[in-house]
N, C-alpha and C. Protein backbone atom coordinates (compact mmCIF):
# COMPACT_ATOMS: atom_id res chain seq x y z
N UNK A 1 10.37 16.42 -16.87
CA UNK A 1 9.79 17.19 -15.78
C UNK A 1 8.34 16.77 -15.51
N UNK A 2 7.61 16.45 -16.59
CA UNK A 2 6.22 16.06 -16.44
C UNK A 2 6.10 14.79 -15.58
N UNK A 3 6.99 13.83 -15.81
CA UNK A 3 6.94 12.58 -15.03
C UNK A 3 7.14 12.85 -13.54
N UNK A 4 8.06 13.75 -13.22
CA UNK A 4 8.30 14.10 -11.82
C UNK A 4 7.05 14.71 -11.19
N UNK A 5 6.37 15.54 -11.94
CA UNK A 5 5.15 16.19 -11.46
C UNK A 5 4.04 15.17 -11.23
N UNK A 6 3.92 14.21 -12.13
CA UNK A 6 2.91 13.16 -11.97
C UNK A 6 3.16 12.35 -10.69
N UNK A 7 4.41 12.00 -10.46
CA UNK A 7 4.77 11.26 -9.24
C UNK A 7 4.52 12.11 -8.00
N UNK A 8 4.88 13.37 -8.07
CA UNK A 8 4.70 14.30 -6.94
C UNK A 8 3.22 14.42 -6.58
N UNK A 9 2.36 14.64 -7.56
CA UNK A 9 0.91 14.79 -7.30
C UNK A 9 0.32 13.48 -6.80
N UNK A 10 0.67 12.38 -7.46
CA UNK A 10 0.16 11.07 -7.03
C UNK A 10 0.61 10.73 -5.62
N UNK A 11 1.87 10.99 -5.31
CA UNK A 11 2.39 10.71 -3.98
C UNK A 11 1.70 11.53 -2.90
N UNK A 12 1.42 12.79 -3.21
CA UNK A 12 0.70 13.63 -2.26
C UNK A 12 -0.71 13.12 -2.01
N UNK A 13 -1.40 12.75 -3.08
CA UNK A 13 -2.75 12.20 -2.93
C UNK A 13 -2.74 10.89 -2.14
N UNK A 14 -1.76 10.04 -2.44
CA UNK A 14 -1.66 8.77 -1.71
C UNK A 14 -1.41 8.98 -0.23
N UNK A 15 -0.56 9.93 0.10
CA UNK A 15 -0.27 10.22 1.51
C UNK A 15 -1.50 10.74 2.24
N UNK A 16 -2.26 11.59 1.58
CA UNK A 16 -3.50 12.11 2.18
C UNK A 16 -4.51 10.98 2.37
N UNK A 17 -4.62 10.10 1.39
CA UNK A 17 -5.53 8.96 1.52
C UNK A 17 -5.11 8.04 2.67
N UNK A 18 -3.80 7.82 2.82
CA UNK A 18 -3.30 6.99 3.93
C UNK A 18 -3.68 7.62 5.27
N UNK A 19 -3.50 8.91 5.38
CA UNK A 19 -3.85 9.62 6.61
C UNK A 19 -5.36 9.52 6.86
N UNK A 20 -6.16 9.64 5.81
CA UNK A 20 -7.62 9.55 5.96
C UNK A 20 -8.04 8.17 6.46
N UNK A 21 -7.43 7.13 5.93
CA UNK A 21 -7.75 5.77 6.41
C UNK A 21 -7.38 5.64 7.88
N UNK A 22 -6.22 6.15 8.25
CA UNK A 22 -5.79 6.08 9.65
C UNK A 22 -6.78 6.82 10.56
N UNK A 23 -7.21 7.99 10.12
CA UNK A 23 -8.16 8.78 10.92
C UNK A 23 -9.52 8.08 11.00
N UNK A 24 -9.99 7.53 9.88
CA UNK A 24 -11.28 6.84 9.87
C UNK A 24 -11.27 5.62 10.78
N UNK A 25 -10.15 4.96 10.85
CA UNK A 25 -10.04 3.79 11.71
C UNK A 25 -9.75 4.18 13.15
N UNK A 26 -9.49 5.45 13.38
CA UNK A 26 -9.25 5.92 14.75
C UNK A 26 -8.00 5.32 15.36
N UNK A 27 -7.04 4.94 14.52
CA UNK A 27 -5.80 4.36 15.05
C UNK A 27 -6.04 3.06 15.78
N UNK A 28 -6.98 2.25 15.29
CA UNK A 28 -7.33 0.98 15.94
C UNK A 28 -6.09 0.11 16.10
N UNK A 29 -5.83 -0.29 17.32
CA UNK A 29 -4.75 -1.23 17.61
C UNK A 29 -5.24 -2.23 18.64
N UNK A 30 -6.07 -3.16 18.21
CA UNK A 30 -6.58 -4.20 19.09
C UNK A 30 -5.46 -5.20 19.37
N UNK A 31 -5.15 -5.43 20.62
CA UNK A 31 -4.06 -6.32 21.03
C UNK A 31 -2.72 -5.86 20.43
N UNK A 32 -2.53 -4.57 20.31
CA UNK A 32 -1.31 -3.95 19.80
C UNK A 32 -1.10 -4.17 18.30
N UNK A 33 -2.04 -4.76 17.60
CA UNK A 33 -1.91 -4.99 16.16
C UNK A 33 -2.26 -3.71 15.42
N UNK A 34 -1.35 -3.17 14.60
CA UNK A 34 -1.57 -1.89 13.89
C UNK A 34 -2.44 -2.07 12.64
N UNK A 35 -3.73 -2.11 12.84
CA UNK A 35 -4.67 -2.41 11.75
C UNK A 35 -4.66 -1.41 10.60
N UNK A 36 -4.53 -0.12 10.89
CA UNK A 36 -4.62 0.85 9.80
C UNK A 36 -3.45 0.72 8.83
N UNK A 37 -2.24 0.53 9.33
CA UNK A 37 -1.09 0.34 8.44
C UNK A 37 -1.23 -0.97 7.68
N UNK A 38 -1.66 -2.00 8.37
CA UNK A 38 -1.87 -3.31 7.74
C UNK A 38 -2.87 -3.20 6.59
N UNK A 39 -4.01 -2.55 6.85
CA UNK A 39 -5.04 -2.40 5.84
C UNK A 39 -4.56 -1.55 4.66
N UNK A 40 -3.91 -0.44 4.94
CA UNK A 40 -3.39 0.44 3.89
C UNK A 40 -2.42 -0.33 2.99
N UNK A 41 -1.53 -1.09 3.58
CA UNK A 41 -0.54 -1.81 2.79
C UNK A 41 -1.17 -2.91 1.94
N UNK A 42 -2.15 -3.62 2.46
CA UNK A 42 -2.82 -4.68 1.68
C UNK A 42 -3.63 -4.05 0.54
N UNK A 43 -4.37 -3.00 0.83
CA UNK A 43 -5.13 -2.30 -0.22
C UNK A 43 -4.18 -1.76 -1.28
N UNK A 44 -3.09 -1.16 -0.85
CA UNK A 44 -2.10 -0.63 -1.79
C UNK A 44 -1.50 -1.71 -2.67
N UNK A 45 -1.23 -2.88 -2.10
CA UNK A 45 -0.71 -4.00 -2.89
C UNK A 45 -1.71 -4.43 -3.95
N UNK A 46 -2.98 -4.50 -3.58
CA UNK A 46 -4.02 -4.86 -4.56
C UNK A 46 -4.01 -3.87 -5.72
N UNK A 47 -4.00 -2.58 -5.40
CA UNK A 47 -4.07 -1.58 -6.45
C UNK A 47 -2.80 -1.48 -7.28
N UNK A 48 -1.65 -1.76 -6.68
CA UNK A 48 -0.43 -1.81 -7.48
C UNK A 48 -0.55 -2.90 -8.54
N UNK A 49 -1.00 -4.09 -8.12
CA UNK A 49 -1.20 -5.17 -9.08
C UNK A 49 -2.20 -4.79 -10.15
N UNK A 50 -3.29 -4.19 -9.74
CA UNK A 50 -4.34 -3.77 -10.68
C UNK A 50 -3.81 -2.74 -11.66
N UNK A 51 -3.19 -1.68 -11.14
CA UNK A 51 -2.72 -0.59 -11.99
C UNK A 51 -1.60 -1.01 -12.95
N UNK A 52 -0.69 -1.86 -12.48
CA UNK A 52 0.40 -2.31 -13.35
C UNK A 52 -0.16 -3.04 -14.57
N UNK A 53 -1.11 -3.93 -14.34
CA UNK A 53 -1.69 -4.66 -15.47
C UNK A 53 -2.60 -3.77 -16.30
N UNK A 54 -3.45 -3.00 -15.65
CA UNK A 54 -4.47 -2.22 -16.36
C UNK A 54 -3.89 -1.08 -17.19
N UNK A 55 -2.83 -0.45 -16.72
CA UNK A 55 -2.29 0.70 -17.45
C UNK A 55 -1.62 0.30 -18.76
N UNK A 56 -1.29 -0.96 -18.93
CA UNK A 56 -0.71 -1.40 -20.21
C UNK A 56 -1.67 -1.18 -21.37
N UNK A 57 -2.93 -1.04 -21.10
CA UNK A 57 -3.95 -0.87 -22.15
C UNK A 57 -3.98 0.53 -22.74
N UNK A 58 -3.23 1.45 -22.19
CA UNK A 58 -3.34 2.84 -22.60
C UNK A 58 -2.22 3.29 -23.55
N UNK A 59 -1.51 2.35 -24.12
CA UNK A 59 -0.51 2.66 -25.15
C UNK A 59 0.48 3.72 -24.74
N UNK A 60 0.49 4.83 -25.47
CA UNK A 60 1.45 5.91 -25.24
C UNK A 60 1.33 6.54 -23.86
N UNK A 61 0.17 6.46 -23.26
CA UNK A 61 -0.05 7.09 -21.96
C UNK A 61 0.22 6.13 -20.79
N UNK A 62 0.55 4.88 -21.09
CA UNK A 62 0.70 3.90 -20.02
C UNK A 62 1.82 4.26 -19.05
N UNK A 63 2.95 4.79 -19.55
CA UNK A 63 4.05 5.16 -18.66
C UNK A 63 3.62 6.27 -17.71
N UNK A 64 2.95 7.30 -18.22
CA UNK A 64 2.52 8.41 -17.36
C UNK A 64 1.48 7.94 -16.33
N UNK A 65 0.55 7.11 -16.77
CA UNK A 65 -0.45 6.58 -15.83
C UNK A 65 0.22 5.73 -14.76
N UNK A 66 1.16 4.91 -15.16
CA UNK A 66 1.84 4.04 -14.20
C UNK A 66 2.65 4.88 -13.21
N UNK A 67 3.32 5.90 -13.67
CA UNK A 67 4.08 6.77 -12.76
C UNK A 67 3.16 7.46 -11.77
N UNK A 68 2.01 7.95 -12.24
CA UNK A 68 1.07 8.63 -11.37
C UNK A 68 0.42 7.65 -10.39
N UNK A 69 -0.11 6.53 -10.91
CA UNK A 69 -0.89 5.62 -10.08
C UNK A 69 -0.04 4.68 -9.22
N UNK A 70 1.00 4.09 -9.81
CA UNK A 70 1.79 3.09 -9.09
C UNK A 70 2.88 3.76 -8.25
N UNK A 71 3.77 4.49 -8.92
CA UNK A 71 4.89 5.12 -8.20
C UNK A 71 4.39 6.21 -7.27
N UNK A 72 3.49 7.06 -7.76
CA UNK A 72 2.99 8.17 -6.96
C UNK A 72 1.92 7.78 -5.96
N UNK A 73 0.72 7.49 -6.46
CA UNK A 73 -0.44 7.24 -5.59
C UNK A 73 -0.21 6.05 -4.65
N UNK A 74 0.11 4.89 -5.21
CA UNK A 74 0.31 3.71 -4.36
C UNK A 74 1.56 3.83 -3.50
N UNK A 75 2.61 4.45 -4.07
CA UNK A 75 3.84 4.66 -3.29
C UNK A 75 3.61 5.57 -2.10
N UNK A 76 2.80 6.61 -2.29
CA UNK A 76 2.47 7.51 -1.18
C UNK A 76 1.47 6.92 -0.21
N UNK A 77 0.61 6.03 -0.72
CA UNK A 77 -0.44 5.43 0.11
C UNK A 77 0.12 4.34 1.02
N UNK A 78 0.95 3.47 0.49
CA UNK A 78 1.51 2.40 1.30
C UNK A 78 2.68 2.94 2.12
N UNK A 79 3.05 2.22 3.14
CA UNK A 79 4.06 2.76 4.03
C UNK A 79 4.93 1.66 4.65
N UNK A 80 6.05 1.41 4.01
CA UNK A 80 6.98 0.42 4.53
C UNK A 80 7.68 0.93 5.79
N UNK A 81 7.92 2.22 5.85
CA UNK A 81 8.61 2.76 7.02
C UNK A 81 7.76 2.61 8.29
N UNK A 82 6.47 2.89 8.20
CA UNK A 82 5.60 2.71 9.37
C UNK A 82 5.51 1.23 9.73
N UNK A 83 5.42 0.38 8.72
CA UNK A 83 5.38 -1.07 8.94
C UNK A 83 6.63 -1.52 9.70
N UNK A 84 7.79 -1.07 9.27
CA UNK A 84 9.04 -1.44 9.93
C UNK A 84 9.09 -0.93 11.37
N UNK A 85 8.70 0.31 11.57
CA UNK A 85 8.73 0.91 12.90
C UNK A 85 7.77 0.18 13.85
N UNK A 86 6.58 -0.13 13.37
CA UNK A 86 5.60 -0.83 14.22
C UNK A 86 6.11 -2.22 14.59
N UNK A 87 6.82 -2.87 13.69
CA UNK A 87 7.40 -4.17 14.02
C UNK A 87 8.47 -4.04 15.10
N UNK A 88 9.27 -3.00 15.02
CA UNK A 88 10.29 -2.78 16.04
C UNK A 88 9.62 -2.53 17.40
N UNK A 89 8.55 -1.75 17.41
CA UNK A 89 7.83 -1.50 18.67
C UNK A 89 7.29 -2.80 19.26
N UNK A 90 6.75 -3.67 18.41
CA UNK A 90 6.22 -4.95 18.89
C UNK A 90 7.34 -5.82 19.47
N UNK A 91 8.48 -5.84 18.81
CA UNK A 91 9.63 -6.61 19.32
C UNK A 91 10.09 -6.03 20.66
N UNK A 92 10.21 -4.71 20.73
CA UNK A 92 10.65 -4.07 21.99
C UNK A 92 9.68 -4.32 23.13
N UNK A 93 8.39 -4.46 22.81
CA UNK A 93 7.38 -4.74 23.83
C UNK A 93 7.23 -6.23 24.10
N UNK A 94 8.11 -7.05 23.51
CA UNK A 94 8.12 -8.50 23.70
C UNK A 94 6.81 -9.15 23.24
N UNK A 95 6.20 -8.59 22.22
CA UNK A 95 4.96 -9.14 21.66
C UNK A 95 5.31 -9.91 20.38
N UNK A 96 6.03 -11.00 20.59
CA UNK A 96 6.61 -11.75 19.49
C UNK A 96 5.53 -12.37 18.59
N UNK A 97 4.49 -12.91 19.17
CA UNK A 97 3.44 -13.52 18.36
C UNK A 97 2.75 -12.48 17.47
N UNK A 98 2.45 -11.31 18.03
CA UNK A 98 1.82 -10.25 17.24
C UNK A 98 2.79 -9.76 16.17
N UNK A 99 4.07 -9.62 16.51
CA UNK A 99 5.08 -9.24 15.53
C UNK A 99 5.11 -10.23 14.37
N UNK A 100 5.18 -11.52 14.67
CA UNK A 100 5.23 -12.54 13.62
C UNK A 100 3.96 -12.55 12.78
N UNK A 101 2.82 -12.40 13.44
CA UNK A 101 1.54 -12.37 12.72
C UNK A 101 1.49 -11.17 11.78
N UNK A 102 1.90 -10.02 12.27
CA UNK A 102 1.88 -8.79 11.49
C UNK A 102 2.87 -8.85 10.33
N UNK A 103 4.10 -9.23 10.60
CA UNK A 103 5.14 -9.24 9.58
C UNK A 103 4.86 -10.28 8.51
N UNK A 104 4.60 -11.51 8.91
CA UNK A 104 4.35 -12.58 7.94
C UNK A 104 3.02 -12.36 7.24
N UNK A 105 2.01 -11.96 8.00
CA UNK A 105 0.70 -11.72 7.40
C UNK A 105 0.72 -10.58 6.39
N UNK A 106 1.46 -9.52 6.69
CA UNK A 106 1.55 -8.38 5.77
C UNK A 106 2.22 -8.79 4.45
N UNK A 107 3.31 -9.52 4.55
CA UNK A 107 4.03 -9.92 3.35
C UNK A 107 3.20 -10.92 2.54
N UNK A 108 2.67 -11.94 3.22
CA UNK A 108 1.89 -12.97 2.51
C UNK A 108 0.63 -12.38 1.88
N UNK A 109 -0.13 -11.64 2.66
CA UNK A 109 -1.36 -11.05 2.11
C UNK A 109 -1.07 -9.96 1.09
N UNK A 110 0.06 -9.28 1.24
CA UNK A 110 0.46 -8.28 0.25
C UNK A 110 0.71 -8.90 -1.11
N UNK A 111 1.42 -10.01 -1.12
CA UNK A 111 1.68 -10.72 -2.38
C UNK A 111 0.38 -11.26 -2.98
N UNK A 112 -0.46 -11.83 -2.14
CA UNK A 112 -1.75 -12.35 -2.60
C UNK A 112 -2.62 -11.21 -3.14
N UNK A 113 -2.65 -10.09 -2.44
CA UNK A 113 -3.45 -8.94 -2.89
C UNK A 113 -2.95 -8.39 -4.22
N UNK A 114 -1.62 -8.33 -4.39
CA UNK A 114 -1.07 -7.87 -5.67
C UNK A 114 -1.50 -8.79 -6.80
N UNK A 115 -1.42 -10.08 -6.57
CA UNK A 115 -1.84 -11.06 -7.57
C UNK A 115 -3.34 -10.93 -7.87
N UNK A 116 -4.15 -10.74 -6.84
CA UNK A 116 -5.60 -10.55 -7.04
C UNK A 116 -5.88 -9.29 -7.86
N UNK A 117 -5.12 -8.23 -7.61
CA UNK A 117 -5.27 -7.02 -8.40
C UNK A 117 -4.98 -7.27 -9.86
N UNK A 118 -3.93 -8.04 -10.14
CA UNK A 118 -3.61 -8.41 -11.52
C UNK A 118 -4.75 -9.19 -12.16
N UNK A 119 -5.29 -10.14 -11.40
CA UNK A 119 -6.40 -10.96 -11.93
C UNK A 119 -7.63 -10.13 -12.22
N UNK A 120 -7.97 -9.23 -11.32
CA UNK A 120 -9.15 -8.38 -11.53
C UNK A 120 -8.95 -7.50 -12.76
N UNK A 121 -7.78 -6.88 -12.89
CA UNK A 121 -7.51 -6.02 -14.05
C UNK A 121 -7.54 -6.82 -15.34
N UNK A 122 -7.03 -8.03 -15.30
CA UNK A 122 -7.01 -8.89 -16.50
C UNK A 122 -8.42 -9.22 -16.98
N UNK A 123 -9.35 -9.30 -16.04
CA UNK A 123 -10.71 -9.71 -16.39
C UNK A 123 -11.66 -8.54 -16.67
N UNK A 124 -11.14 -7.34 -16.66
CA UNK A 124 -11.99 -6.17 -16.97
C UNK A 124 -11.93 -5.90 -18.45
C-alpha cells in the first residue's frame, strides 16, 4: 500500500508541475510547435535518467525513491498523451514539417536527455 501512495503523491506533484510549466510558458506555440509539452518531456527524460541512476545509492530505500520520483513524479510530469494528440493536430492541419520536427526531435532529444541525466547522476 505504501508504494501505491508514493506513486500517487509523486504523480500528483508531477502533474501540478507540468501544469505550472504550461502556465509559465503561456501555452507558447510559435509556428504551431507545442513548446511547453516538448520542454516538459525533455526535462522529464533528463530527470528520469538522473533519478534511475542516483536512487541506486540509497540501498533499502532505492525502490521507494524510484517509485516516487520516476514512476510518480516524472510519470505525472511528462505527457505522452498530449504529445500524441498534438502530433495528430499537426497532421490534420497539414503541418508535416512541424510534425516531423516535433516527433523526431522529441524522441531523439528525449533519449539524449535521459542519457545526460544518467551521466550527471554518475558524476555526483
